[in-house]
Amino acid sequence: MISENFKDIVHKSYKSIPDYPETIFGFPKNYQEIKTLEDLLSINYKPISAKDQLRGNLIIKLKKQQFPYSGIIGYDDDIVPSLNRAILSGHDILLVGQIGQAKTKIAETIARNLLSPIPIVEGSITNDIPTSIPENELVSLLNDKEIIRHRPEFYVSTETEDKIRNNRLDTKIVWIDGASRFKYLLATPDISVKDLVGQIDAIKIAKRGVEIYNMESYSPGQLLLARHGVFCIDELPVLDPRKQVALLSVLQEGIYTTGSYPVIFKPNIRIISTANPIDYTHSGKIIEPLYDRLKSHIITRYPNNVYDEIKIMIQEANISNPQNLIMPIFILRTLAEITRIARHRPEINQEKGVSVRMSIHSLEILISEVERVRSIINNIKTVPRFSDIYCIHQTSKFELSEIDDSYENRINILDTIISDAIKKTSTAYLDSIPHEKIMNLMNEFKINRNFFVSQDITGDKNNPKSYQSQINRFNSLSEIIEIVNGKIIQDQKQFEESSIENSSKVDIFNDIKDPEYLASVTELILEGLRFTNPPILDRKEGAYVHIK
């Protein structure tokens, strides 16, 4: 009687259409109430392939005019349409680009945003969906009978089978999201075929006394651990041809085997791999059959404009105390320009590329430098200045190609790049200053001689050596600061309009009354006056002086 009951319950569920409202593609709205195998069967849940989940959820987002790839910045006009086409076509993808072009982040974002949560047996490491088991086999498990297999195919692990035998319809399930089904593998020479497809585990055989061809002797590889998800293989060309061959049947037929093991595995995954352009174009780096089966090849790039570079910096930077941070837009622009200029320097190896991470890490270290020298000791706001910026020596990573790739040469090149970036940024903010005001300031420098700047000097007006106290000796400088701050505010508004959802982590601030912000704007102006034609100021021994 119990046997017939199990048979009827499973049969009714398997033959009926899904009976649940969806929030996203194939995902029950009331999923929180579905906690057991019985609950799952009662709604006639049907597993949906990863390919169909990605397509279905992308269609929903496109209809709602929602951006499908949150956190991916600056790719809207070319790479995003390419991704959309690939996903709608059900393609596995090869992303080709230099370091720091968000290739891995794209793969992770696709998994997080476009895969629907799925129900798996609690504790399963191979994402076992119980209703993916053939009807007759599930009935046998529920009745604790021997399974008669018509074909040697892996549906769920033996651990999951045991749980269903022991708990029957009370078998607990949990819902796991797409992010939990994203698996990342960095291709290195020591990766083995067994790492990909799994292996017959001799330890399991010895400990449990199971037969070599019993499913209990199998330990899953990365392909099965990523089941029902997205499998990202970073730097695919590094895998030697024998290991690449192991991926062919997955891409072509969605199945694989492991050695002589007489079982077929269907991981139900989308493969997104990455490659460096040098390896991608090098003959034999990716074997031709695999190259052909990765149906969509998408070329990535670095950000097209400085605003996109800044957005990425703000989004990705790890900032410990953002509440105390004031980050002027011109400092962000300068850091972004340093990286962008480096990408065009002939001495730098452009085949390797200059990663956006250089901008991100430089922002993090610049903030820490200001904390180290001023804000922590003096209990003041953390506001970076140009005099702090050379601390980025330790985070600026690139290789030289035209000259000897020595530390000394790298520092010399970087210092030149920093100077070029400061020049480009500062002169852009000074181009609206009336000529007569610059002449007035030049005359005031003839009288007052110099303006001292230092990382150690605070903006505190009560200190006779502070920036504010020195500004009080230059009437024209105060007027120029007001004009430049208006230009800064205009730049800030343009940036904010282009990046509403990306700029919340950092306060891009322009309160000229804040003494530390005032000090930073002052250094911006003084630097800009070094690059006028003819230059008005020079910097000597920590002070800006008039050029006679």
Protein backbone atom coordinates (compact mmCIF):
# COMPACT_ATOMS: atom_id res chain seq x y z
CA MET A 1 0.00 0.00 0.00
CA ILE A 2 2.82 2.42 0.90
CA SER A 3 4.65 1.40 -2.26
CA GLU A 4 1.65 2.21 -4.43
CA ASN A 5 1.21 5.52 -2.63
CA PHE A 6 4.80 6.58 -3.36
CA LYS A 7 4.38 5.49 -6.94
CA ASP A 8 1.21 7.52 -7.36
CA ILE A 9 2.67 10.64 -5.74
CA VAL A 10 5.79 10.59 -7.92
CA HIS A 11 3.91 9.71 -11.10
CA LYS A 12 1.33 12.46 -10.60
CA SER A 13 4.06 15.03 -9.96
CA TYR A 14 6.26 13.98 -12.90
CA LYS A 15 3.38 13.93 -15.39
CA SER A 16 1.78 17.22 -14.30
CA ILE A 17 2.77 20.71 -15.32
CA PRO A 18 4.44 22.92 -12.68
CA ASP A 19 1.93 24.37 -10.25
CA TYR A 20 3.44 27.50 -8.78
CA PRO A 21 3.67 31.24 -9.51
CA GLU A 22 7.20 32.36 -10.42
CA THR A 23 9.21 35.35 -9.28
CA ILE A 24 12.02 34.65 -11.71
CA PHE A 25 12.32 31.98 -14.38
CA GLY A 26 11.42 28.54 -12.97
CA PHE A 27 11.61 29.73 -9.36
CA PRO A 28 8.53 29.34 -7.11
CA LYS A 29 7.30 32.49 -5.42
CA ASN A 30 6.57 30.53 -2.23
CA TYR A 31 9.94 28.73 -2.22
CA GLN A 32 10.40 29.37 1.52
CA GLU A 33 7.48 27.02 2.21
CA ILE A 34 9.04 24.24 0.11
CA LYS A 35 11.40 22.49 2.51
CA THR A 36 11.03 18.76 1.81
CA LEU A 37 10.88 16.35 -1.11
CA GLU A 38 7.13 16.01 -0.47
CA ASP A 39 6.72 19.79 -0.83
CA LEU A 40 8.70 19.72 -4.05
CA LEU A 41 6.61 16.92 -5.54
CA SER A 42 3.38 18.65 -4.50
CA ILE A 43 4.13 21.63 -6.79
CA ASN A 44 5.28 19.40 -9.66
CA TYR A 45 8.69 21.06 -9.74
CA LYS A 46 10.63 20.48 -12.96
CA PRO A 47 14.39 21.11 -13.21
CA ILE A 48 15.34 23.71 -15.81
CA SER A 49 18.71 23.64 -17.54
CA ALA A 50 21.29 26.30 -16.76
CA LYS A 51 21.16 27.36 -20.41
CA ASP A 52 17.39 27.93 -20.23
CA GLN A 53 17.64 29.69 -16.87
CA LEU A 54 20.16 32.18 -18.25
CA ARG A 55 18.07 32.81 -21.36
CA GLY A 56 14.75 33.02 -19.49
CA ASN A 57 15.98 35.44 -16.84
CA LEU A 58 17.77 37.60 -19.41
CA ILE A 59 14.53 37.90 -21.39
CA ILE A 60 12.68 38.96 -18.22
CA LYS A 61 15.28 41.64 -17.47
CA LEU A 62 15.32 42.92 -21.05
CA LYS A 63 11.52 43.22 -21.06
CA LYS A 64 11.68 45.19 -17.81
CA GLN A 65 14.57 47.27 -19.23
CA GLN A 66 16.76 46.20 -16.31
CA PHE A 67 20.52 46.00 -16.68
CA PRO A 68 21.41 42.27 -16.54
CA TYR A 69 25.01 42.64 -15.36
CA SER A 70 25.12 44.78 -12.23
CA GLY A 71 28.64 45.92 -11.43
CA ILE A 72 29.89 45.67 -15.02
CA ILE A 73 30.77 49.23 -16.03
CA GLY A 74 31.47 50.84 -19.39
CA TYR A 75 30.61 47.91 -21.66
CA ASP A 76 27.05 48.93 -22.59
CA ASP A 77 27.67 49.73 -26.26
CA ASP A 78 29.63 46.67 -27.37
CA ILE A 79 30.36 43.90 -24.88
CA VAL A 80 26.95 43.82 -23.18
CA PRO A 81 25.12 43.33 -26.52
CA SER A 82 27.58 40.54 -27.35
CA LEU A 83 26.88 38.84 -24.02
CA ASN A 84 23.14 39.17 -24.57
CA ARG A 85 23.39 37.57 -27.99
CA ALA A 86 25.50 34.69 -26.65
CA ILE A 87 23.15 33.95 -23.75
CA LEU A 88 20.03 34.15 -25.89
CA SER A 89 21.72 31.72 -28.30
CA GLY A 90 22.66 29.30 -25.51
CA HIS A 91 26.36 29.62 -26.25
CA ASP A 92 29.34 28.76 -24.13
CA ILE A 93 31.60 31.81 -24.12
CA LEU A 94 35.29 32.64 -24.47
CA LEU A 95 36.19 36.10 -23.14
CA VAL A 96 39.42 37.42 -24.64
CA GLY A 97 41.17 40.35 -23.02
CA GLN A 98 44.14 41.63 -21.05
CA ILE A 99 44.44 41.55 -17.27
CA GLY A 100 41.93 43.61 -15.31
CA GLN A 101 39.17 43.77 -17.93
CA ALA A 102 36.45 42.20 -15.72
CA LYS A 103 36.41 38.87 -17.55
CA THR A 104 36.01 36.75 -14.42
CA LYS A 105 33.65 39.32 -12.91
CA ILE A 106 31.44 39.03 -16.00
CA ALA A 107 31.19 35.26 -15.56
CA GLU A 108 30.41 35.61 -11.86
CA THR A 109 27.83 38.33 -12.54
CA ILE A 110 26.07 36.16 -15.12
CA ALA A 111 25.79 33.35 -12.56
CA ARG A 112 24.63 35.66 -9.79
CA ASN A 113 22.07 37.64 -11.82
CA LEU A 114 20.74 35.19 -14.38
CA LEU A 115 20.69 31.76 -12.74
CA SER A 116 17.51 30.93 -10.81
CA PRO A 117 17.75 29.36 -7.34
CA ILE A 118 17.30 25.59 -7.43
CA PRO A 119 16.23 22.99 -4.82
CA ILE A 120 18.92 20.52 -3.81
CA VAL A 121 19.05 17.81 -1.18
CA GLU A 122 20.51 19.36 1.94
CA GLY A 123 24.27 18.76 2.20
CA SER A 124 24.76 17.78 -1.43
CA ILE A 125 28.07 18.94 -2.88
CA THR A 126 27.03 18.08 -6.45
CA ASN A 127 23.84 20.16 -6.34
CA ASP A 128 21.54 17.13 -6.44
CA ILE A 129 18.00 18.06 -7.48
CA PRO A 130 15.84 15.12 -6.33
CA THR A 131 13.25 15.49 -9.10
CA SER A 132 16.03 15.08 -11.69
CA ILE A 133 16.09 11.38 -10.73
CA PRO A 134 14.11 9.25 -13.21
CA GLU A 135 10.62 8.43 -11.99
CA ASN A 136 11.13 4.69 -11.50
CA GLU A 137 14.45 5.22 -9.68
CA LEU A 138 12.97 7.79 -7.29
CA VAL A 139 10.11 5.40 -6.49
CA SER A 140 12.65 2.64 -5.77
CA LEU A 141 14.59 4.95 -3.45
CA LEU A 142 11.43 5.94 -1.57
CA ASN A 143 10.58 2.27 -1.14
CA ASP A 144 14.18 1.43 -0.19
CA LYS A 145 14.45 -1.04 -3.03
CA GLU A 146 17.31 -1.82 -5.37
CA ILE A 147 17.42 0.49 -8.36
CA ILE A 148 17.22 -1.12 -11.77
CA ARG A 149 19.27 1.17 -13.99
CA HIS A 150 18.50 1.15 -17.70
CA ARG A 151 21.60 3.20 -18.49
CA PRO A 152 24.74 4.01 -16.47
CA GLU A 153 24.04 7.70 -15.84
CA PHE A 154 24.77 9.84 -12.78
CA TYR A 155 21.68 11.66 -11.50
CA VAL A 156 22.48 12.15 -7.82
CA SER A 157 25.27 11.03 -5.51
CA THR A 158 25.06 7.89 -3.43
CA GLU A 159 24.96 10.12 -0.33
CA THR A 160 21.80 11.75 -1.67
CA GLU A 161 20.31 8.35 -2.54
CA ASP A 162 20.93 7.22 1.04
CA LYS A 163 19.22 10.33 2.43
CA ILE A 164 16.14 9.72 0.29
CA ARG A 165 16.05 6.04 1.33
CA ASN A 166 16.26 6.98 5.00
CA ASN A 167 14.01 10.05 5.05
CA ARG A 168 11.67 9.38 2.15
CA LEU A 169 9.29 12.31 1.52
CA ASP A 170 10.72 14.12 4.56
CA THR A 171 14.09 14.44 2.84
CA LYS A 172 15.17 18.04 3.45
CA ILE A 173 15.90 20.34 0.56
CA VAL A 174 17.47 23.79 0.45
CA TRP A 175 17.37 26.42 -2.27
CA ILE A 176 20.75 27.61 -3.54
CA ASP A 177 21.19 30.69 -5.67
CA GLY A 178 23.24 31.25 -8.80
CA ALA A 179 26.20 32.72 -6.94
CA SER A 180 26.55 29.43 -5.04
CA ARG A 181 26.67 27.56 -8.34
CA PHE A 182 29.50 29.64 -9.80
CA LYS A 183 32.74 27.70 -9.83
CA TYR A 184 36.08 29.26 -10.71
CA LEU A 185 39.14 27.36 -11.88
CA LEU A 186 42.45 29.06 -12.61
CA ALA A 187 44.13 27.00 -15.31
CA THR A 188 47.62 26.15 -14.15
CA PRO A 189 50.08 23.50 -15.37
CA ASP A 190 49.39 21.31 -12.33
CA ILE A 191 45.64 20.99 -13.08
CA SER A 192 44.93 17.36 -13.95
CA VAL A 193 42.20 15.67 -15.98
CA LYS A 194 41.00 14.14 -12.72
CA ASP A 195 40.58 17.63 -11.27
CA LEU A 196 38.09 18.33 -14.07
CA VAL A 197 36.14 15.08 -14.43
CA GLY A 198 36.64 13.44 -11.04
CA GLN A 199 38.25 10.14 -10.21
CA ILE A 200 37.91 6.69 -8.72
CA ASP A 201 38.95 7.37 -5.14
CA ALA A 202 41.22 4.62 -3.81
CA ILE A 203 40.79 5.87 -0.25
CA LYS A 204 37.02 5.47 -0.47
CA ILE A 205 37.47 1.97 -1.85
CA ALA A 206 39.81 1.05 1.00
CA LYS A 207 37.75 2.62 3.79
CA ARG A 208 34.30 1.50 2.71
CA GLY A 209 35.23 -1.75 1.00
CA VAL A 210 33.19 -0.80 -2.05
CA GLU A 211 33.77 -2.16 -5.52
CA ILE A 212 35.83 -0.06 -7.88
CA TYR A 213 32.86 0.51 -10.21
CA ASN A 214 30.39 1.29 -7.42
CA MET A 215 29.24 4.94 -7.42
CA GLU A 216 30.49 5.23 -3.85
CA SER A 217 34.06 5.02 -5.14
CA TYR A 218 33.67 8.17 -7.26
CA SER A 219 34.91 11.60 -6.12
CA PRO A 220 33.51 14.46 -8.21
CA GLY A 221 35.69 16.89 -10.14
CA GLN A 222 35.16 20.56 -10.86
CA LEU A 223 32.69 19.93 -13.68
CA LEU A 224 30.27 18.12 -11.39
CA LEU A 225 30.82 20.48 -8.47
CA ALA A 226 29.61 23.27 -10.79
CA ARG A 227 26.49 21.32 -11.76
CA HIS A 228 23.46 23.40 -12.78
CA GLY A 229 25.66 26.49 -12.77
CA VAL A 230 28.40 28.45 -14.49
CA PHE A 231 31.93 27.04 -14.70
CA CYS A 232 34.59 29.70 -15.28
CA ILE A 233 37.97 28.50 -16.54
CA ASP A 234 40.43 31.37 -16.24
CA GLU A 235 43.34 31.43 -18.71
CA LEU A 236 42.09 28.43 -20.70
CA PRO A 237 45.11 28.31 -23.08
CA VAL A 238 47.33 27.36 -20.12
CA LEU A 239 45.64 23.95 -19.97
CA ASP A 240 47.63 21.49 -22.02
CA PRO A 241 45.83 19.83 -24.97
CA ARG A 242 45.11 16.57 -23.13
CA LYS A 243 43.21 18.43 -20.44
CA GLN A 244 41.40 20.59 -22.98
CA VAL A 245 40.18 17.42 -24.68
CA ALA A 246 38.34 16.51 -21.47
CA LEU A 247 36.06 19.52 -22.05
CA LEU A 248 35.09 18.65 -25.63
CA SER A 249 32.21 16.28 -24.94
CA VAL A 250 30.78 18.66 -22.34
CA LEU A 251 30.68 21.45 -24.89
CA GLN A 252 29.43 19.29 -27.73
CA GLU A 253 27.00 16.90 -26.01
CA GLY A 254 26.74 18.12 -22.42
CA ILE A 255 28.18 14.86 -21.07
CA TYR A 256 31.47 13.33 -20.02
CA THR A 257 32.94 10.17 -18.56
CA THR A 258 35.95 9.63 -16.35
CA GLY A 259 38.59 7.17 -17.50
CA SER A 260 37.14 3.69 -17.92
CA TYR A 261 34.35 4.38 -15.41
CA PRO A 262 31.14 3.13 -17.07
CA VAL A 263 28.94 6.06 -16.03
CA ILE A 264 27.78 9.09 -18.02
CA PHE A 265 27.81 12.45 -16.24
CA LYS A 266 25.68 15.41 -17.32
CA PRO A 267 26.89 18.48 -15.45
CA ASN A 268 24.32 20.83 -17.05
CA ILE A 269 26.63 23.83 -16.97
CA ARG A 270 27.50 26.85 -19.06
CA ILE A 271 31.24 27.22 -19.58
CA ILE A 272 32.67 30.74 -19.64
CA SER A 273 36.42 30.74 -20.17
CA THR A 274 38.96 33.52 -20.48
CA ALA A 275 42.15 34.01 -22.45
CA ASN A 276 44.84 36.62 -22.87
CA PRO A 277 44.99 38.02 -26.44
CA ILE A 278 48.58 36.77 -26.86
CA ASP A 279 47.60 33.19 -26.03
CA TYR A 280 44.34 33.43 -27.96
CA THR A 281 46.08 34.23 -31.23
CA HIS A 282 49.04 31.89 -30.70
CA SER A 283 48.69 28.75 -32.79
CA GLY A 284 47.98 25.66 -30.73
CA LYS A 285 47.28 27.39 -27.42
CA ILE A 286 43.63 26.39 -27.60
CA ILE A 287 43.07 23.16 -29.52
CA GLU A 288 41.00 23.70 -32.63
CA PRO A 289 37.98 21.52 -31.68
CA LEU A 290 37.65 23.32 -28.33
CA TYR A 291 38.20 26.71 -29.97
CA ASP A 292 35.34 25.88 -32.33
CA ARG A 293 32.95 24.58 -29.65
CA LEU A 294 33.23 27.72 -27.53
CA LYS A 295 30.67 29.27 -29.82
CA SER A 296 30.87 32.96 -28.84
CA HIS A 297 34.23 34.71 -28.62
CA ILE A 298 33.90 38.16 -27.06
CA ILE A 299 36.75 40.67 -26.98
CA THR A 300 36.92 42.80 -23.82
CA ARG A 301 38.77 46.08 -23.36
CA TYR A 302 39.75 48.70 -20.81
CA PRO A 303 37.36 51.58 -19.97
CA ASN A 304 36.84 54.02 -22.82
CA ASN A 305 36.71 57.16 -20.68
CA VAL A 306 38.00 58.50 -17.39
CA TYR A 307 34.56 58.52 -15.75
CA ASP A 308 34.14 54.77 -16.29
CA GLU A 309 37.59 54.20 -14.81
CA ILE A 310 36.59 56.25 -11.77
CA LYS A 311 33.30 54.36 -11.36
CA ILE A 312 35.17 51.06 -11.32
CA MET A 313 37.67 52.40 -8.79
CA ILE A 314 34.92 53.50 -6.42
CA GLN A 315 32.92 50.31 -6.84
CA GLU A 316 35.81 47.92 -6.27
CA ALA A 317 37.97 49.76 -3.72
CA ASN A 318 38.10 48.40 -0.17
CA ILE A 319 37.62 51.48 2.02
CA SER A 320 37.76 50.91 5.76
CA ASN A 321 36.27 54.19 7.02
CA PRO A 322 34.26 55.84 4.25
CA GLN A 323 32.34 58.02 6.75
CA ASN A 324 35.50 59.99 7.47
CA LEU A 325 36.62 60.22 3.84
CA ILE A 326 36.31 63.21 1.54
CA MET A 327 37.48 62.22 -1.93
CA PRO A 328 37.78 65.16 -4.33
CA ILE A 329 36.79 64.32 -7.90
CA PHE A 330 40.07 65.74 -9.21
CA ILE A 331 42.08 63.26 -7.12
CA LEU A 332 40.02 60.38 -8.52
CA ARG A 333 40.48 61.79 -12.01
CA THR A 334 44.26 61.99 -11.51
CA LEU A 335 44.52 58.38 -10.33
CA ALA A 336 42.46 57.25 -13.31
CA GLU A 337 44.61 59.29 -15.68
CA ILE A 338 47.79 57.72 -14.30
CA THR A 339 46.55 54.28 -15.32
CA ARG A 340 45.21 55.50 -18.64
CA ILE A 341 48.47 57.25 -19.54
CA ALA A 342 50.41 54.11 -18.58
CA ARG A 343 48.37 52.15 -21.15
CA HIS A 344 49.87 54.27 -23.92
CA ARG A 345 53.49 54.56 -22.81
CA PRO A 346 55.80 52.84 -25.30
CA GLU A 347 58.19 51.75 -22.54
CA ILE A 348 55.45 49.70 -20.88
CA ASN A 349 54.61 46.21 -22.13
CA GLN A 350 51.16 46.80 -23.60
CA GLU A 351 50.73 43.15 -24.53
CA LYS A 352 50.52 42.41 -20.81
CA GLY A 353 48.32 45.45 -20.27
CA VAL A 354 47.84 47.83 -17.35
CA SER A 355 45.00 46.60 -15.18
CA VAL A 356 42.18 48.69 -13.71
CA ARG A 357 43.36 47.09 -10.47
CA MET A 358 46.27 49.54 -10.58
CA SER A 359 43.74 52.38 -10.19
CA ILE A 360 41.80 50.51 -7.50
CA HIS A 361 44.83 49.58 -5.41
CA SER A 362 46.30 53.07 -5.81
CA LEU A 363 43.09 54.60 -4.47
CA GLU A 364 43.17 52.28 -1.46
CA ILE A 365 46.81 53.00 -0.68
CA LEU A 366 46.37 56.77 -1.16
CA ILE A 367 43.56 56.83 1.39
CA SER A 368 45.69 54.82 3.82
CA GLU A 369 48.60 57.21 3.30
CA VAL A 370 46.45 60.20 4.28
CA GLU A 371 45.25 58.33 7.36
CA ARG A 372 48.85 57.50 8.26
CA VAL A 373 50.28 61.01 7.98
CA ARG A 374 47.36 63.29 8.92
CA SER A 375 43.87 62.16 9.71
CA ILE A 376 44.46 59.57 12.45
CA ILE A 377 47.04 61.64 14.34
CA ASN A 378 45.12 64.92 14.11
CA ASN A 379 41.59 63.45 14.28
CA ILE A 380 40.56 65.20 11.07
CA LYS A 381 38.87 64.26 7.81
CA THR A 382 40.76 62.03 5.39
CA VAL A 383 41.27 64.16 2.28
CA PRO A 384 43.97 63.18 -0.24
CA ARG A 385 46.17 65.81 -1.94
CA PHE A 386 48.69 65.78 -4.74
CA SER A 387 51.52 65.81 -2.17
CA ASP A 388 50.31 62.37 -1.00
CA ILE A 389 50.12 60.76 -4.40
CA TYR A 390 53.64 59.36 -4.75
CA CYS A 391 52.79 56.65 -2.23
CA ILE A 392 51.27 54.74 -5.17
CA HIS A 393 54.75 53.50 -6.10
CA GLN A 394 53.92 50.34 -4.18
CA THR A 395 50.65 49.64 -6.03
CA SER A 396 51.54 50.59 -9.60
CA LYS A 397 52.21 47.30 -11.35
CA PHE A 398 53.35 47.05 -14.95
CA GLU A 399 56.17 45.56 -16.98
CA LEU A 400 58.67 47.45 -19.14
CA SER A 401 59.48 46.26 -22.63
CA GLU A 402 61.58 48.85 -24.45
CA ILE A 403 64.10 49.32 -21.63
CA ASP A 404 65.52 47.19 -18.83
CA ASP A 405 62.65 46.11 -16.56
CA SER A 406 64.35 47.23 -13.34
CA TYR A 407 62.72 48.70 -10.24
CA GLU A 408 64.58 51.98 -10.77
CA ASN A 409 63.36 52.30 -14.34
CA ARG A 410 59.79 51.52 -13.32
CA ILE A 411 59.85 54.23 -10.64
CA ASN A 412 61.31 56.79 -13.07
CA ILE A 413 58.64 55.99 -15.67
CA LEU A 414 55.91 56.09 -13.05
CA ASP A 415 57.05 59.46 -11.69
CA THR A 416 56.90 60.87 -15.21
CA ILE A 417 53.41 59.43 -15.65
CA ILE A 418 52.24 60.89 -12.32
CA SER A 419 53.57 64.31 -13.34
CA ASP A 420 51.79 64.07 -16.70
CA ALA A 421 48.52 63.08 -15.02
CA ILE A 422 48.75 65.94 -12.50
CA LYS A 423 49.48 68.35 -15.34
CA LYS A 424 46.53 67.13 -17.38
CA THR A 425 44.12 67.30 -14.46
CA SER A 426 45.22 70.56 -12.87
CA THR A 427 45.37 72.57 -16.10
CA ALA A 428 41.86 71.38 -17.04
CA TYR A 429 40.47 72.98 -13.87
CA LEU A 430 42.45 76.21 -14.33
CA ASP A 431 41.47 76.96 -17.92
CA SER A 432 38.50 79.13 -16.87
CA ILE A 433 40.47 81.50 -14.62
CA PRO A 434 40.60 85.08 -16.01
CA HIS A 435 44.09 86.10 -17.10
CA GLU A 436 44.11 89.20 -14.89
CA LYS A 437 43.56 87.14 -11.75
CA ILE A 438 46.52 84.93 -12.61
CA MET A 439 48.63 88.07 -13.15
CA ASN A 440 47.50 89.42 -9.77
CA LEU A 441 48.50 86.18 -8.09
CA MET A 442 51.87 86.27 -9.83
CA ASN A 443 52.47 89.75 -8.40
CA GLU A 444 51.46 88.56 -4.93
CA PHE A 445 54.01 85.75 -5.18
CA LYS A 446 56.64 88.35 -5.98
CA ILE A 447 55.86 89.91 -2.60
CA ASN A 448 55.13 86.90 -0.42
CA ARG A 449 57.83 84.80 -2.06
CA ASN A 450 56.56 81.26 -1.42
CA PHE A 451 53.76 78.92 -0.39
CA PHE A 452 54.81 75.87 1.61
CA VAL A 453 53.11 72.54 1.03
CA SER A 454 53.63 69.25 2.80
CA GLN A 455 51.80 66.08 3.72
CA ASP A 456 52.39 67.01 7.35
CA ILE A 457 50.81 70.49 7.18
CA THR A 458 47.12 70.42 8.04
CA GLY A 459 44.49 72.82 6.83
CA ASP A 460 43.78 74.07 10.37
CA LYS A 461 43.43 77.85 10.25
CA ASN A 462 44.63 78.18 13.87
CA ASN A 463 48.07 76.96 12.86
CA PRO A 464 50.22 79.85 11.49
CA LYS A 465 51.85 77.41 9.03
CA SER A 466 48.55 75.93 7.84
CA TYR A 467 47.27 76.23 4.30
CA GLN A 468 44.50 78.60 5.41
CA SER A 469 46.95 80.89 7.15
CA GLN A 470 49.12 81.02 4.02
CA ILE A 471 46.10 81.61 1.76
CA ASN A 472 45.27 84.68 3.84
CA ARG A 473 48.45 86.29 2.47
CA PHE A 474 47.26 85.83 -1.14
CA ASN A 475 43.99 87.64 -1.88
CA SER A 476 43.99 86.56 -5.51
CA LEU A 477 44.51 82.93 -4.53
CA SER A 478 41.29 83.00 -2.50
CA GLU A 479 39.41 84.31 -5.55
CA ILE A 480 40.94 81.66 -7.79
CA ILE A 481 40.06 78.92 -5.30
CA GLU A 482 36.42 80.00 -5.48
CA ILE A 483 36.43 79.90 -9.29
CA VAL A 484 38.17 76.52 -9.44
CA ASN A 485 35.82 75.06 -6.85
CA GLY A 486 32.92 76.03 -9.12
CA LYS A 487 34.57 74.04 -11.91
CA ILE A 488 35.09 71.11 -9.53
CA ILE A 489 31.40 71.16 -8.55
CA GLN A 490 30.42 71.15 -12.21
CA ASP A 491 32.70 68.15 -12.88
CA GLN A 492 31.32 66.37 -9.83
CA LYS A 493 27.72 66.85 -10.98
CA GLN A 494 28.53 65.48 -14.43
CA PHE A 495 30.14 62.45 -12.85
CA GLU A 496 27.23 61.87 -10.47
CA GLU A 497 24.73 62.07 -13.31
CA SER A 498 26.62 59.33 -15.13
CA SER A 499 27.04 57.04 -12.13
CA ILE A 500 24.16 57.30 -9.68
CA GLU A 501 24.31 53.67 -8.55
CA ASN A 502 28.09 53.37 -8.50
CA SER A 503 29.19 56.40 -6.47
CA SER A 504 27.57 55.72 -3.08
CA LYS A 505 30.65 54.21 -1.38
CA VAL A 506 32.74 57.39 -1.51
CA ASP A 507 31.64 60.91 -0.66
CA ILE A 508 32.83 63.12 -3.52
CA PHE A 509 32.77 66.30 -1.51
CA ASN A 510 33.21 69.98 -2.37
CA ASP A 511 32.66 71.96 0.84
CA ILE A 512 35.27 74.67 0.52
CA LYS A 513 34.82 75.46 4.22
CA ASP A 514 36.42 72.17 5.21
CA PRO A 515 40.08 73.02 5.87
CA GLU A 516 41.41 69.71 4.54
CA TYR A 517 39.40 69.96 1.35
CA LEU A 518 40.60 73.55 0.96
CA ALA A 519 44.19 72.37 1.28
CA SER A 520 43.66 69.79 -1.47
CA VAL A 521 42.11 72.34 -3.84
CA THR A 522 44.99 74.71 -3.09
CA GLU A 523 47.56 72.12 -4.16
CA LEU A 524 45.54 71.50 -7.34
CA ILE A 525 45.78 75.21 -8.24
CA LEU A 526 49.44 75.61 -7.35
CA GLU A 527 50.33 72.54 -9.44
CA GLY A 528 48.34 73.93 -12.36
CA LEU A 529 50.27 77.19 -12.22
CA ARG A 530 53.46 75.22 -12.81
CA PHE A 531 52.17 74.24 -16.23
CA THR A 532 50.84 77.54 -17.56
CA ASN A 533 52.45 78.95 -20.67
CA PRO A 534 54.76 80.46 -19.58
CA PRO A 535 54.82 78.74 -16.15
CA ILE A 536 54.18 81.08 -13.23
CA LEU A 537 55.34 78.92 -10.35
CA ASP A 538 57.98 76.32 -9.67
CA ARG A 539 58.28 73.90 -6.79
CA LYS A 540 61.50 73.92 -4.78
CA GLU A 541 62.23 72.33 -1.42
CA GLY A 542 58.60 71.91 -0.43
CA ALA A 543 57.44 75.33 -1.54
CA TYR A 544 55.87 76.90 -4.63
CA VAL A 545 57.85 79.96 -5.68
CA HIS A 546 57.50 82.59 -8.37
CA ILE A 547 59.58 82.04 -11.51
CA LYS A 548 61.55 85.22 -12.09
